[in-house]
């Protein structure tokens, strides 16, 4: 059996939820296969109780949803 290691990295705007296509804020790495699933905050919460026991990694960046981006004034 071959397992692919997935390097932890910050999620960005190119990462999309596997359920709905919105920006992903949660990465789940499955222990059995090493496969990666990406979810928006809403879908991560809806599958968490099922997937958390199967995950080797649960990378949650939903706290970024409340961050304020500085606006430059010229």
Protein backbone atom coordinates (compact mmCIF):
# COMPACT_ATOMS: atom_id res chain seq x y z
CA UNK A 1 0.00 0.00 0.00
CA UNK A 2 1.30 3.45 -0.91
CA UNK A 3 0.39 6.49 1.15
CA UNK A 4 0.93 9.97 -0.21
CA UNK A 5 2.03 12.56 2.33
CA UNK A 6 0.22 15.86 2.02
CA UNK A 7 2.23 18.83 3.21
CA UNK A 8 0.35 21.12 5.55
CA UNK A 9 -0.03 24.55 4.06
CA UNK A 10 -2.37 27.46 4.50
CA UNK A 11 -5.49 27.18 2.42
CA UNK A 12 -5.97 29.90 -0.20
CA UNK A 13 -8.68 31.19 -2.52
CA UNK A 14 -7.91 28.49 -5.08
CA UNK A 15 -8.89 25.75 -2.59
CA UNK A 16 -12.58 24.97 -3.03
CA UNK A 17 -15.10 22.98 -1.00
CA UNK A 18 -15.62 19.47 -2.38
CA UNK A 19 -19.37 19.72 -1.63
CA UNK A 20 -20.39 23.15 -2.95
CA UNK A 21 -17.40 24.88 -4.58
CA UNK A 22 -17.18 27.73 -2.04
CA UNK A 23 -13.78 28.72 -0.66
CA UNK A 24 -12.41 25.93 1.54
CA UNK A 25 -11.39 26.68 5.11
CA UNK A 26 -11.02 23.10 6.39
CA UNK A 27 -8.71 20.36 5.10
CA UNK A 28 -9.29 16.79 6.24
CA UNK A 29 -6.68 14.10 5.64
CA UNK A 30 -8.11 10.60 5.92
CA UNK A 31 -6.08 8.18 8.00
CA UNK A 32 -6.89 5.10 5.91
CA UNK A 33 -5.91 6.44 2.50
CA UNK A 34 -4.08 9.70 3.12
CA UNK A 35 -6.59 11.30 0.80
CA UNK A 36 -7.49 14.95 1.24
CA UNK A 37 -10.96 16.49 1.44
CA UNK A 38 -11.64 20.23 1.45
CA UNK A 39 -14.71 21.88 2.95
CA UNK A 40 -16.18 25.32 3.50
CA UNK A 41 -17.01 26.07 7.14
CA UNK A 42 -20.67 25.07 6.73
CA UNK A 43 -19.98 21.67 5.20
CA UNK A 44 -17.07 20.96 7.57
CA UNK A 45 -19.43 21.36 10.52
CA UNK A 46 -22.05 19.14 8.87
CA UNK A 47 -19.60 16.21 8.33
CA UNK A 48 -17.33 16.70 11.35
CA UNK A 49 -18.94 14.09 13.62
CA UNK A 50 -18.60 11.47 10.87
CA UNK A 51 -15.16 12.34 9.50
CA UNK A 52 -13.23 13.48 12.59
CA UNK A 53 -12.79 9.88 13.89
CA UNK A 54 -11.46 8.84 10.45
CA UNK A 55 -9.06 11.76 10.03
CA UNK A 56 -5.34 11.78 10.67
CA UNK A 57 -5.42 15.58 10.28
CA UNK A 58 -8.19 18.16 10.70
CA UNK A 59 -6.79 21.51 9.57
CA UNK A 60 -9.35 24.23 10.41
CA UNK A 61 -8.86 27.83 9.26
CA UNK A 62 -12.46 28.99 9.80
CA UNK A 63 -11.18 31.61 12.25
CA UNK A 64 -9.97 33.51 9.17
CA UNK A 65 -13.61 34.17 8.27
CA UNK A 66 -13.77 36.82 11.00
CA UNK A 67 -10.46 38.53 10.15
CA UNK A 68 -10.64 42.08 8.93
CA UNK A 69 -8.53 42.91 5.91
CA UNK A 70 -6.77 46.28 6.21
CA UNK A 71 -7.86 48.81 3.61
CA UNK A 72 -5.26 51.21 2.31
CA UNK A 73 -6.35 54.79 1.81
CA UNK A 74 -4.47 56.68 -0.88
